[in-house]
Amino acid sequence: MVTILALAAAVLYGTADFLGGVASRRASVSAVLAMTVPAGAVVVVVVALLGEAPWPGGLSGSGLGTPASLGDWGAVGWAAASGVCGTAGLIAFYAGFAAAPISVVAPVAALVSTVLPVGVALAGGERLTAGMAAGGLICLLAIVLVSMPPARRGPRPDAGRRGGDRTAVGRPGAASRLRGLGFGVAAGAGFGLFFLFLKNAGQSGVLWPVAVSRTAGTLAAFGIALATRTRPWRGVSGRTGIIALVSGAVDAAANVCYVLATRAGLFGLAVVITSLYPGMTVLLARWVLGERMRWLQRAGLLLAAAGVVLLTA
């Protein structure tokens, strides 16, 4: 069950990232975030109100239930922290794309966001069989390969700019790669803490922890929009606005599947499989936008399939 739920989370996360990326091509990142994050919060809160008693309320903490006592309010803190960390990770991720090579930022972020929670799981006493360990390592490699940027037909438009950061042929220099490493680590840490904190919050329920997480993320997104003097309703309207709203709703559904996966089995296993979400983003970019896939990305998809088989054998 944990494999099915984690794969569902990966597919949904990858789809949400694809839709968010499409919207970000047509509007500013802060404006898109200020729409996607609240959209997911509204969807989860409505579903939680329809499917659960108000939190806290006298239901048990099993299944989709709410915490049983005020003592479970500690889960609120974990959920709120996960929302803030997730939004901070997105900001660092997109800022890295704007200031450094994507080929450095994306793989580093993907690796850190997986290794951090898995390391915590192993330190907490989770033990994997030899086959599962091999499958996990293969999946880590697959995540890095799939996260590589798509093939380009020529050098980046900003190639040769930024002083000495790039060579004459448009390849990133040492300073640019170092910035990419920093942004990648920051984004990966934000995403990794999001996975870890949301898992902790999910011990007391499913829908309400996700709802609190999305609400906290919404406040963070609005704060960023306010700080950058961005008005979400400007530039994110019509088709772009619809795409942004759908992205937020799909991402919220992914949060729910992820929490369910962490409750169904080993946390490390759930994180590794969920972290394969870049594969879905790459496939959608190929199918919908016609973007070419690098041979490294194709190899990553094959390794991902092999890794999942080993993890679930």
C-alpha atoms as a PDB file:
ATOM      1  CA  MET A   1       0.000   0.000   0.000  1.00  0.00           C
ATOM      2  CA  VAL A   2       2.810   2.434   0.841  1.00  0.00           C
ATOM      3  CA  THR A   3       4.206   1.993  -2.676  1.00  0.00           C
ATOM      4  CA  ILE A   4       0.879   2.735  -4.356  1.00  0.00           C
ATOM      5  CA  LEU A   5       0.230   5.814  -2.225  1.00  0.00           C
ATOM      6  CA  ALA A   6       3.781   7.120  -2.644  1.00  0.00           C
ATOM      7  CA  LEU A   7       3.623   6.612  -6.421  1.00  0.00           C
ATOM      8  CA  ALA A   8       0.299   8.446  -6.486  1.00  0.00           C
ATOM      9  CA  ALA A   9       1.924  11.306  -4.556  1.00  0.00           C
ATOM     10  CA  ALA A  10       4.840  11.348  -7.006  1.00  0.00           C
ATOM     11  CA  VAL A  11       2.506  11.515 -10.018  1.00  0.00           C
ATOM     12  CA  LEU A  12       0.459  14.300  -8.446  1.00  0.00           C
ATOM     13  CA  TYR A  13       3.489  16.305  -7.286  1.00  0.00           C
ATOM     14  CA  GLY A  14       5.031  16.008 -10.733  1.00  0.00           C
ATOM     15  CA  THR A  15       1.798  17.123 -12.395  1.00  0.00           C
ATOM     16  CA  ALA A  16       1.454  20.088 -10.031  1.00  0.00           C
ATOM     17  CA  ASP A  17       5.051  21.145 -10.704  1.00  0.00           C
ATOM     18  CA  PHE A  18       4.468  20.938 -14.449  1.00  0.00           C
ATOM     19  CA  LEU A  19       1.334  23.078 -14.263  1.00  0.00           C
ATOM     20  CA  GLY A  20       3.040  25.553 -11.927  1.00  0.00           C
ATOM     21  CA  GLY A  21       5.982  25.763 -14.298  1.00  0.00           C
ATOM     22  CA  VAL A  22       3.682  26.488 -17.233  1.00  0.00           C
ATOM     23  CA  ALA A  23       1.957  29.248 -15.256  1.00  0.00           C
ATOM     24  CA  SER A  24       5.326  30.686 -14.169  1.00  0.00           C
ATOM     25  CA  ARG A  25       6.301  31.123 -17.804  1.00  0.00           C
ATOM     26  CA  ARG A  26       3.395  33.545 -18.217  1.00  0.00           C
ATOM     27  CA  ALA A  27       3.501  35.417 -14.892  1.00  0.00           C
ATOM     28  CA  SER A  28       5.892  36.154 -12.035  1.00  0.00           C
ATOM     29  CA  VAL A  29       6.789  33.314  -9.695  1.00  0.00           C
ATOM     30  CA  SER A  30       5.591  35.152  -6.572  1.00  0.00           C
ATOM     31  CA  ALA A  31       2.233  35.877  -8.210  1.00  0.00           C
ATOM     32  CA  VAL A  32       1.796  32.232  -9.204  1.00  0.00           C
ATOM     33  CA  LEU A  33       2.728  30.984  -5.723  1.00  0.00           C
ATOM     34  CA  ALA A  34       0.267  33.424  -4.154  1.00  0.00           C
ATOM     35  CA  MET A  35      -2.473  31.646  -6.130  1.00  0.00           C
ATOM     36  CA  THR A  36      -1.399  27.996  -6.167  1.00  0.00           C
ATOM     37  CA  VAL A  37      -0.738  27.635  -2.429  1.00  0.00           C
ATOM     38  CA  PRO A  38      -4.048  29.224  -1.296  1.00  0.00           C
ATOM     39  CA  ALA A  39      -5.987  27.196  -3.887  1.00  0.00           C
ATOM     40  CA  GLY A  40      -4.700  23.986  -2.355  1.00  0.00           C
ATOM     41  CA  ALA A  41      -5.485  25.257   1.135  1.00  0.00           C
ATOM     42  CA  VAL A  42      -9.095  26.028   0.231  1.00  0.00           C
ATOM     43  CA  VAL A  43      -9.616  22.602  -1.344  1.00  0.00           C
ATOM     44  CA  VAL A  44      -8.213  20.691   1.639  1.00  0.00           C
ATOM     45  CA  VAL A  45     -10.037  22.799   4.240  1.00  0.00           C
ATOM     46  CA  VAL A  46     -13.367  22.286   2.464  1.00  0.00           C
ATOM     47  CA  VAL A  47     -12.794  18.527   2.192  1.00  0.00           C
ATOM     48  CA  ALA A  48     -11.678  18.377   5.828  1.00  0.00           C
ATOM     49  CA  LEU A  49     -14.791  20.212   7.002  1.00  0.00           C
ATOM     50  CA  LEU A  50     -17.000  17.856   5.000  1.00  0.00           C
ATOM     51  CA  GLY A  51     -15.159  14.687   5.970  1.00  0.00           C
ATOM     52  CA  GLU A  52     -13.950  15.322   9.518  1.00  0.00           C
ATOM     53  CA  ALA A  53     -15.018  16.986  12.757  1.00  0.00           C
ATOM     54  CA  PRO A  54     -13.388  20.361  13.483  1.00  0.00           C
ATOM     55  CA  TRP A  55      -9.835  20.059  14.764  1.00  0.00           C
ATOM     56  CA  PRO A  56      -9.497  19.427  17.634  1.00  0.00           C
ATOM     57  CA  GLY A  57     -12.601  17.354  18.209  1.00  0.00           C
ATOM     58  CA  GLY A  58     -13.356  14.071  19.811  1.00  0.00           C
ATOM     59  CA  LEU A  59     -12.460  11.758  16.938  1.00  0.00           C
ATOM     60  CA  SER A  60      -9.551   9.373  17.080  1.00  0.00           C
ATOM     61  CA  GLY A  61      -6.276  10.100  15.324  1.00  0.00           C
ATOM     62  CA  SER A  62      -6.496   7.077  13.041  1.00  0.00           C
ATOM     63  CA  GLY A  63      -7.240   7.034   9.348  1.00  0.00           C
ATOM     64  CA  LEU A  64      -8.542  10.420   8.244  1.00  0.00           C
ATOM     65  CA  GLY A  65      -9.577  11.261  11.814  1.00  0.00           C
ATOM     66  CA  THR A  66      -8.633  14.321  13.794  1.00  0.00           C
ATOM     67  CA  PRO A  67      -6.527  14.507  16.951  1.00  0.00           C
ATOM     68  CA  ALA A  68      -8.248  13.208  20.045  1.00  0.00           C
ATOM     69  CA  SER A  69      -7.126  15.876  22.496  1.00  0.00           C
ATOM     70  CA  LEU A  70      -5.607  19.298  22.879  1.00  0.00           C
ATOM     71  CA  GLY A  71      -2.300  17.527  23.465  1.00  0.00           C
ATOM     72  CA  ASP A  72      -2.266  16.781  19.763  1.00  0.00           C
ATOM     73  CA  TRP A  73      -1.972  20.491  19.040  1.00  0.00           C
ATOM     74  CA  GLY A  74       1.736  19.774  18.752  1.00  0.00           C
ATOM     75  CA  ALA A  75       0.841  18.431  15.311  1.00  0.00           C
ATOM     76  CA  VAL A  76      -0.340  21.919  14.386  1.00  0.00           C
ATOM     77  CA  GLY A  77       3.171  23.216  14.919  1.00  0.00           C
ATOM     78  CA  TRP A  78       4.685  20.502  12.733  1.00  0.00           C
ATOM     79  CA  ALA A  79       2.093  21.140  10.024  1.00  0.00           C
ATOM     80  CA  ALA A  80       2.610  24.908  10.068  1.00  0.00           C
ATOM     81  CA  ALA A  81       6.378  24.471   9.947  1.00  0.00           C
ATOM     82  CA  SER A  82       6.039  22.137   6.953  1.00  0.00           C
ATOM     83  CA  GLY A  83       4.009  24.727   5.053  1.00  0.00           C
ATOM     84  CA  VAL A  84       6.530  27.507   5.680  1.00  0.00           C
ATOM     85  CA  CYS A  85       9.481  25.265   4.773  1.00  0.00           C
ATOM     86  CA  GLY A  86       7.784  24.102   1.583  1.00  0.00           C
ATOM     87  CA  THR A  87       7.127  27.652   0.425  1.00  0.00           C
ATOM     88  CA  ALA A  88      10.659  28.730   1.333  1.00  0.00           C
ATOM     89  CA  GLY A  89      12.007  25.800  -0.659  1.00  0.00           C
ATOM     90  CA  LEU A  90      10.001  26.842  -3.706  1.00  0.00           C
ATOM     91  CA  ILE A  91      11.297  30.408  -3.479  1.00  0.00           C
ATOM     92  CA  ALA A  92      14.916  29.219  -3.280  1.00  0.00           C
ATOM     93  CA  PHE A  93      14.256  26.767  -6.122  1.00  0.00           C
ATOM     94  CA  TYR A  94      12.877  29.368  -8.526  1.00  0.00           C
ATOM     95  CA  ALA A  95      15.406  32.000  -7.441  1.00  0.00           C
ATOM     96  CA  GLY A  96      18.132  29.505  -8.243  1.00  0.00           C
ATOM     97  CA  PHE A  97      16.727  28.984 -11.722  1.00  0.00           C
ATOM     98  CA  ALA A  98      16.960  32.735 -12.307  1.00  0.00           C
ATOM     99  CA  ALA A  99      20.477  33.212 -10.926  1.00  0.00           C
ATOM    100  CA  ALA A 100      22.337  29.974 -11.620  1.00  0.00           C
ATOM    101  CA  PRO A 101      22.447  26.980 -14.018  1.00  0.00           C
ATOM    102  CA  ILE A 102      19.345  24.804 -13.806  1.00  0.00           C
ATOM    103  CA  SER A 103      21.603  21.786 -14.416  1.00  0.00           C
ATOM    104  CA  VAL A 104      23.155  22.439 -10.990  1.00  0.00           C
ATOM    105  CA  VAL A 105      20.164  23.668  -8.962  1.00  0.00           C
ATOM    106  CA  ALA A 106      17.602  20.986  -9.845  1.00  0.00           C
ATOM    107  CA  PRO A 107      19.673  17.815  -9.242  1.00  0.00           C
ATOM    108  CA  VAL A 108      21.193  19.163  -6.012  1.00  0.00           C
ATOM    109  CA  ALA A 109      17.764  20.167  -4.684  1.00  0.00           C
ATOM    110  CA  ALA A 110      16.326  16.763  -5.597  1.00  0.00           C
ATOM    111  CA  LEU A 111      19.179  14.902  -3.894  1.00  0.00           C
ATOM    112  CA  VAL A 112      19.164  16.965  -0.686  1.00  0.00           C
ATOM    113  CA  SER A 113      15.363  16.838  -0.370  1.00  0.00           C
ATOM    114  CA  THR A 114      15.532  13.035  -0.421  1.00  0.00           C
ATOM    115  CA  VAL A 115      18.673  12.350   1.592  1.00  0.00           C
ATOM    116  CA  LEU A 116      17.674  14.645   4.484  1.00  0.00           C
ATOM    117  CA  PRO A 117      14.412  12.905   5.523  1.00  0.00           C
ATOM    118  CA  VAL A 118      15.756   9.440   4.667  1.00  0.00           C
ATOM    119  CA  GLY A 119      18.781  10.102   6.875  1.00  0.00           C
ATOM    120  CA  VAL A 120      16.457  11.091   9.716  1.00  0.00           C
ATOM    121  CA  ALA A 121      14.420   7.915   9.167  1.00  0.00           C
ATOM    122  CA  LEU A 122      17.515   5.708   9.327  1.00  0.00           C
ATOM    123  CA  ALA A 123      18.793   7.545  12.394  1.00  0.00           C
ATOM    124  CA  GLY A 124      15.391   6.945  13.983  1.00  0.00           C
ATOM    125  CA  GLY A 125      15.786   3.188  13.712  1.00  0.00           C
ATOM    126  CA  GLU A 126      14.234   2.242  10.360  1.00  0.00           C
ATOM    127  CA  ARG A 127      16.061  -0.642   8.745  1.00  0.00           C
ATOM    128  CA  LEU A 128      15.976  -1.666   5.100  1.00  0.00           C
ATOM    129  CA  THR A 129      16.677  -5.028   3.519  1.00  0.00           C
ATOM    130  CA  ALA A 130      19.604  -5.311   1.119  1.00  0.00           C
ATOM    131  CA  GLY A 131      17.240  -5.214  -1.842  1.00  0.00           C
ATOM    132  CA  MET A 132      15.439  -2.141  -0.535  1.00  0.00           C
ATOM    133  CA  ALA A 133      18.740  -0.378   0.154  1.00  0.00           C
ATOM    134  CA  ALA A 134      19.905  -1.114  -3.397  1.00  0.00           C
ATOM    135  CA  GLY A 135      16.580   0.081  -4.776  1.00  0.00           C
ATOM    136  CA  GLY A 136      16.813   3.264  -2.713  1.00  0.00           C
ATOM    137  CA  LEU A 137      20.300   4.057  -4.017  1.00  0.00           C
ATOM    138  CA  ILE A 138      19.160   3.441  -7.584  1.00  0.00           C
ATOM    139  CA  CYS A 139      16.197   5.754  -7.034  1.00  0.00           C
ATOM    140  CA  LEU A 140      18.504   8.466  -5.664  1.00  0.00           C
ATOM    141  CA  LEU A 141      20.574   8.274  -8.833  1.00  0.00           C
ATOM    142  CA  ALA A 142      17.391   8.271 -10.918  1.00  0.00           C
ATOM    143  CA  ILE A 143      16.120  11.400  -9.139  1.00  0.00           C
ATOM    144  CA  VAL A 144      19.325  13.274  -9.962  1.00  0.00           C
ATOM    145  CA  LEU A 145      19.326  12.179 -13.619  1.00  0.00           C
ATOM    146  CA  VAL A 146      15.638  12.906 -14.201  1.00  0.00           C
ATOM    147  CA  SER A 147      16.047  16.350 -12.620  1.00  0.00           C
ATOM    148  CA  MET A 148      18.558  17.402 -15.269  1.00  0.00           C
ATOM    149  CA  PRO A 149      17.183  20.186 -17.512  1.00  0.00           C
ATOM    150  CA  PRO A 150      15.766  19.245 -20.932  1.00  0.00           C
ATOM    151  CA  ALA A 151      17.908  19.383 -24.046  1.00  0.00           C
ATOM    152  CA  ARG A 152      18.459  22.818 -25.561  1.00  0.00           C
ATOM    153  CA  ARG A 153      18.982  23.688 -29.182  1.00  0.00           C
ATOM    154  CA  GLY A 154      21.524  26.385 -28.349  1.00  0.00           C
ATOM    155  CA  PRO A 155      23.181  28.349 -25.549  1.00  0.00           C
ATOM    156  CA  ARG A 156      21.077  30.131 -22.979  1.00  0.00           C
ATOM    157  CA  PRO A 157      20.057  33.684 -23.914  1.00  0.00           C
ATOM    158  CA  ASP A 158      22.108  35.068 -21.026  1.00  0.00           C
ATOM    159  CA  ALA A 159      25.192  33.130 -21.988  1.00  0.00           C
ATOM    160  CA  GLY A 160      28.286  35.279 -21.815  1.00  0.00           C
ATOM    161  CA  ARG A 161      26.702  37.791 -19.413  1.00  0.00           C
ATOM    162  CA  ARG A 162      27.314  38.214 -15.680  1.00  0.00           C
ATOM    163  CA  GLY A 163      30.935  39.171 -16.187  1.00  0.00           C
ATOM    164  CA  GLY A 164      33.236  36.222 -15.643  1.00  0.00           C
ATOM    165  CA  ASP A 165      30.582  33.808 -14.451  1.00  0.00           C
ATOM    166  CA  ARG A 166      30.244  32.221 -17.888  1.00  0.00           C
ATOM    167  CA  THR A 167      32.710  31.258 -20.549  1.00  0.00           C
ATOM    168  CA  ALA A 168      32.606  32.476 -24.106  1.00  0.00           C
ATOM    169  CA  VAL A 169      30.623  29.445 -25.232  1.00  0.00           C
ATOM    170  CA  GLY A 170      27.924  29.992 -22.623  1.00  0.00           C
ATOM    171  CA  ARG A 171      28.996  27.347 -20.136  1.00  0.00           C
ATOM    172  CA  PRO A 172      28.532  28.276 -16.469  1.00  0.00           C
ATOM    173  CA  GLY A 173      31.691  29.304 -14.661  1.00  0.00           C
ATOM    174  CA  ALA A 174      32.815  28.377 -11.166  1.00  0.00           C
ATOM    175  CA  ALA A 175      31.017  31.274  -9.467  1.00  0.00           C
ATOM    176  CA  SER A 176      27.743  30.492 -11.216  1.00  0.00           C
ATOM    177  CA  ARG A 177      27.960  26.819 -10.317  1.00  0.00           C
ATOM    178  CA  LEU A 178      28.729  27.710  -6.710  1.00  0.00           C
ATOM    179  CA  ARG A 179      25.590  29.876  -6.582  1.00  0.00           C
ATOM    180  CA  GLY A 180      23.632  27.007  -8.087  1.00  0.00           C
ATOM    181  CA  LEU A 181      24.973  24.667  -5.413  1.00  0.00           C
ATOM    182  CA  GLY A 182      23.895  27.071  -2.679  1.00  0.00           C
ATOM    183  CA  PHE A 183      20.409  27.576  -4.080  1.00  0.00           C
ATOM    184  CA  GLY A 184      20.043  23.835  -4.658  1.00  0.00           C
ATOM    185  CA  VAL A 185      21.019  22.976  -1.088  1.00  0.00           C
ATOM    186  CA  ALA A 186      18.671  25.660   0.295  1.00  0.00           C
ATOM    187  CA  ALA A 187      15.752  24.485  -1.848  1.00  0.00           C
ATOM    188  CA  GLY A 188      16.437  20.838  -1.083  1.00  0.00           C
ATOM    189  CA  ALA A 189      16.621  21.544   2.651  1.00  0.00           C
ATOM    190  CA  GLY A 190      13.259  23.335   2.467  1.00  0.00           C
ATOM    191  CA  PHE A 191      11.645  20.457   0.597  1.00  0.00           C
ATOM    192  CA  GLY A 192      13.265  17.838   2.833  1.00  0.00           C
ATOM    193  CA  LEU A 193      12.073  19.570   6.004  1.00  0.00           C
ATOM    194  CA  PHE A 194       8.620  19.838   4.438  1.00  0.00           C
ATOM    195  CA  PHE A 195       8.520  16.053   3.949  1.00  0.00           C
ATOM    196  CA  LEU A 196       9.816  15.432   7.462  1.00  0.00           C
ATOM    197  CA  PHE A 197       7.566  17.914   9.292  1.00  0.00           C
ATOM    198  CA  LEU A 198       4.435  16.917   7.377  1.00  0.00           C
ATOM    199  CA  LYS A 199       5.105  13.284   8.230  1.00  0.00           C
ATOM    200  CA  ASN A 200       5.321  14.207  11.931  1.00  0.00           C
ATOM    201  CA  ALA A 201       2.088  16.186  11.699  1.00  0.00           C
ATOM    202  CA  GLY A 202       0.413  13.312   9.890  1.00  0.00           C
ATOM    203  CA  GLN A 203       0.710  11.075  12.945  1.00  0.00           C
ATOM    204  CA  SER A 204      -2.398  12.799  14.358  1.00  0.00           C
ATOM    205  CA  GLY A 205      -4.514  12.802  11.202  1.00  0.00           C
ATOM    206  CA  VAL A 206      -4.417  13.370   7.473  1.00  0.00           C
ATOM    207  CA  LEU A 207      -6.639  16.108   6.115  1.00  0.00           C
ATOM    208  CA  TRP A 208      -6.319  18.643   8.911  1.00  0.00           C
ATOM    209  CA  PRO A 209      -2.515  18.494   9.099  1.00  0.00           C
ATOM    210  CA  VAL A 210      -2.393  19.064   5.335  1.00  0.00           C
ATOM    211  CA  ALA A 211      -4.925  21.905   5.662  1.00  0.00           C
ATOM    212  CA  VAL A 212      -2.829  23.612   8.361  1.00  0.00           C
ATOM    213  CA  SER A 213       0.320  23.113   6.304  1.00  0.00           C
ATOM    214  CA  ARG A 214      -1.265  24.682   3.231  1.00  0.00           C
ATOM    215  CA  THR A 215      -2.662  27.558   5.283  1.00  0.00           C
ATOM    216  CA  ALA A 216       0.748  28.342   6.758  1.00  0.00           C
ATOM    217  CA  GLY A 217       2.240  28.122   3.283  1.00  0.00           C
ATOM    218  CA  THR A 218      -0.428  30.537   2.073  1.00  0.00           C
ATOM    219  CA  LEU A 219       0.525  33.102   4.710  1.00  0.00           C
ATOM    220  CA  ALA A 220       4.170  32.735   3.708  1.00  0.00           C
ATOM    221  CA  ALA A 221       3.324  33.117   0.004  1.00  0.00           C
ATOM    222  CA  PHE A 222       1.238  36.231   0.702  1.00  0.00           C
ATOM    223  CA  GLY A 223       4.067  37.644   2.799  1.00  0.00           C
ATOM    224  CA  ILE A 224       6.490  37.148  -0.082  1.00  0.00           C
ATOM    225  CA  ALA A 225       4.049  38.724  -2.533  1.00  0.00           C
ATOM    226  CA  LEU A 226       3.637  41.688  -0.188  1.00  0.00           C
ATOM    227  CA  ALA A 227       7.390  42.072   0.273  1.00  0.00           C
ATOM    228  CA  THR A 228       7.938  42.036  -3.499  1.00  0.00           C
ATOM    229  CA  ARG A 229       4.905  44.289  -4.101  1.00  0.00           C
ATOM    230  CA  THR A 230       3.323  41.620  -6.265  1.00  0.00           C
ATOM    231  CA  ARG A 231      -0.423  41.537  -6.876  1.00  0.00           C
ATOM    232  CA  PRO A 232      -1.470  37.929  -7.602  1.00  0.00           C
ATOM    233  CA  TRP A 233      -4.562  38.997  -9.504  1.00  0.00           C
ATOM    234  CA  ARG A 234      -2.417  40.960 -11.980  1.00  0.00           C
ATOM    235  CA  GLY A 235      -0.814  38.868 -14.708  1.00  0.00           C
ATOM    236  CA  VAL A 236      -2.309  35.603 -13.402  1.00  0.00           C
ATOM    237  CA  SER A 237      -5.746  35.650 -14.948  1.00  0.00           C
ATOM    238  CA  GLY A 238      -7.694  33.797 -17.586  1.00  0.00           C
ATOM    239  CA  ARG A 239      -6.073  30.549 -18.686  1.00  0.00           C
ATOM    240  CA  THR A 240      -2.929  31.182 -16.641  1.00  0.00           C
ATOM    241  CA  GLY A 241      -5.006  31.698 -13.516  1.00  0.00           C
ATOM    242  CA  ILE A 242      -6.912  28.469 -14.102  1.00  0.00           C
ATOM    243  CA  ILE A 243      -3.657  26.553 -14.566  1.00  0.00           C
ATOM    244  CA  ALA A 244      -2.293  28.026 -11.330  1.00  0.00           C
ATOM    245  CA  LEU A 245      -5.431  27.129  -9.395  1.00  0.00           C
ATOM    246  CA  VAL A 246      -5.455  23.555 -10.739  1.00  0.00           C
ATOM    247  CA  SER A 247      -1.769  23.228  -9.864  1.00  0.00           C
ATOM    248  CA  GLY A 248      -2.531  24.168  -6.267  1.00  0.00           C
ATOM    249  CA  ALA A 249      -5.421  21.716  -5.997  1.00  0.00           C
ATOM    250  CA  VAL A 250      -3.354  18.856  -7.460  1.00  0.00           C
ATOM    251  CA  ASP A 251      -0.454  19.660  -5.138  1.00  0.00           C
ATOM    252  CA  ALA A 252      -2.805  19.514  -2.149  1.00  0.00           C
ATOM    253  CA  ALA A 253      -4.019  16.084  -3.275  1.00  0.00           C
ATOM    254  CA  ALA A 254      -0.374  15.012  -3.479  1.00  0.00           C
ATOM    255  CA  ASN A 255       0.132  16.156   0.127  1.00  0.00           C
ATOM    256  CA  VAL A 256      -2.739  13.924   1.246  1.00  0.00           C
ATOM    257  CA  CYS A 257      -1.382  10.893  -0.628  1.00  0.00           C
ATOM    258  CA  TYR A 258       2.068  11.497   0.826  1.00  0.00           C
ATOM    259  CA  VAL A 259       0.781  11.653   4.414  1.00  0.00           C
ATOM    260  CA  LEU A 260      -1.217   8.472   3.851  1.00  0.00           C
ATOM    261  CA  ALA A 261       1.925   6.799   2.460  1.00  0.00           C
ATOM    262  CA  THR A 262       3.970   7.726   5.539  1.00  0.00           C
ATOM    263  CA  ARG A 263       1.253   6.203   7.738  1.00  0.00           C
ATOM    264  CA  ALA A 264       1.057   3.008   5.683  1.00  0.00           C
ATOM    265  CA  GLY A 265       4.665   1.873   5.927  1.00  0.00           C
ATOM    266  CA  LEU A 266       8.315   2.852   6.285  1.00  0.00           C
ATOM    267  CA  PHE A 267       8.862   6.605   6.152  1.00  0.00           C
ATOM    268  CA  GLY A 268      12.132   6.292   4.225  1.00  0.00           C
ATOM    269  CA  LEU A 269      10.460   4.139   1.593  1.00  0.00           C
ATOM    270  CA  ALA A 270       7.608   6.611   1.201  1.00  0.00           C
ATOM    271  CA  VAL A 271       9.993   9.557   0.795  1.00  0.00           C
ATOM    272  CA  VAL A 272      12.219   7.869  -1.777  1.00  0.00           C
ATOM    273  CA  ILE A 273       9.313   6.822  -3.995  1.00  0.00           C
ATOM    274  CA  THR A 274       7.513  10.157  -3.613  1.00  0.00           C
ATOM    275  CA  SER A 275      10.725  11.969  -4.571  1.00  0.00           C
ATOM    276  CA  LEU A 276      10.547  10.420  -8.029  1.00  0.00           C
ATOM    277  CA  TYR A 277       8.039  13.161  -8.943  1.00  0.00           C
ATOM    278  CA  PRO A 278      10.443  14.947 -11.360  1.00  0.00           C
ATOM    279  CA  GLY A 279       9.947  11.983 -13.692  1.00  0.00           C
ATOM    280  CA  MET A 280       6.273  12.864 -14.134  1.00  0.00           C
ATOM    281  CA  THR A 281       7.144  16.499 -14.770  1.00  0.00           C
ATOM    282  CA  VAL A 282       9.619  15.466 -17.468  1.00  0.00           C
ATOM    283  CA  LEU A 283       7.108  13.130 -19.122  1.00  0.00           C
ATOM    284  CA  LEU A 284       4.401  15.796 -19.182  1.00  0.00           C
ATOM    285  CA  ALA A 285       6.840  18.317 -20.663  1.00  0.00           C
ATOM    286  CA  ARG A 286       7.624  15.777 -23.381  1.00  0.00           C
ATOM    287  CA  TRP A 287       4.004  14.799 -24.082  1.00  0.00           C
ATOM    288  CA  VAL A 288       2.338  18.199 -23.754  1.00  0.00           C
ATOM    289  CA  LEU A 289       5.015  20.715 -24.733  1.00  0.00           C
ATOM    290  CA  GLY A 290       7.081  18.523 -27.013  1.00  0.00           C
ATOM    291  CA  GLU A 291      10.301  19.171 -25.099  1.00  0.00           C
ATOM    292  CA  ARG A 292      13.158  16.896 -25.987  1.00  0.00           C
ATOM    293  CA  MET A 293      14.468  14.522 -23.329  1.00  0.00           C
ATOM    294  CA  ARG A 294      18.184  14.117 -22.728  1.00  0.00           C
ATOM    295  CA  TRP A 295      19.577  10.616 -22.705  1.00  0.00           C
ATOM    296  CA  LEU A 296      20.379  11.134 -19.015  1.00  0.00           C
ATOM    297  CA  GLN A 297      16.697  11.758 -18.313  1.00  0.00           C
ATOM    298  CA  ARG A 298      15.680   8.637 -20.230  1.00  0.00           C
ATOM    299  CA  ALA A 299      18.228   6.624 -18.269  1.00  0.00           C
ATOM    300  CA  GLY A 300      16.876   8.144 -15.068  1.00  0.00           C
ATOM    301  CA  LEU A 301      13.327   7.025 -15.861  1.00  0.00           C
ATOM    302  CA  LEU A 302      14.519   3.471 -16.502  1.00  0.00           C
ATOM    303  CA  LEU A 303      16.512   3.479 -13.266  1.00  0.00           C
ATOM    304  CA  ALA A 304      13.487   4.801 -11.395  1.00  0.00           C
ATOM    305  CA  ALA A 305      11.404   1.866 -12.606  1.00  0.00           C
ATOM    306  CA  ALA A 306      14.124  -0.594 -11.611  1.00  0.00           C
ATOM    307  CA  GLY A 307      14.519   1.054  -8.215  1.00  0.00           C
ATOM    308  CA  VAL A 308      10.799   0.881  -7.448  1.00  0.00           C
ATOM    309  CA  VAL A 309      10.770  -2.812  -8.351  1.00  0.00           C
ATOM    310  CA  LEU A 310      13.640  -3.498  -5.947  1.00  0.00           C
ATOM    311  CA  LEU A 311      12.027  -1.414  -3.210  1.00  0.00           C
ATOM    312  CA  THR A 312       8.766  -3.340  -3.423  1.00  0.00           C
ATOM    313  CA  ALA A 313      10.112  -6.828  -4.186  1.00  0.00           C
END
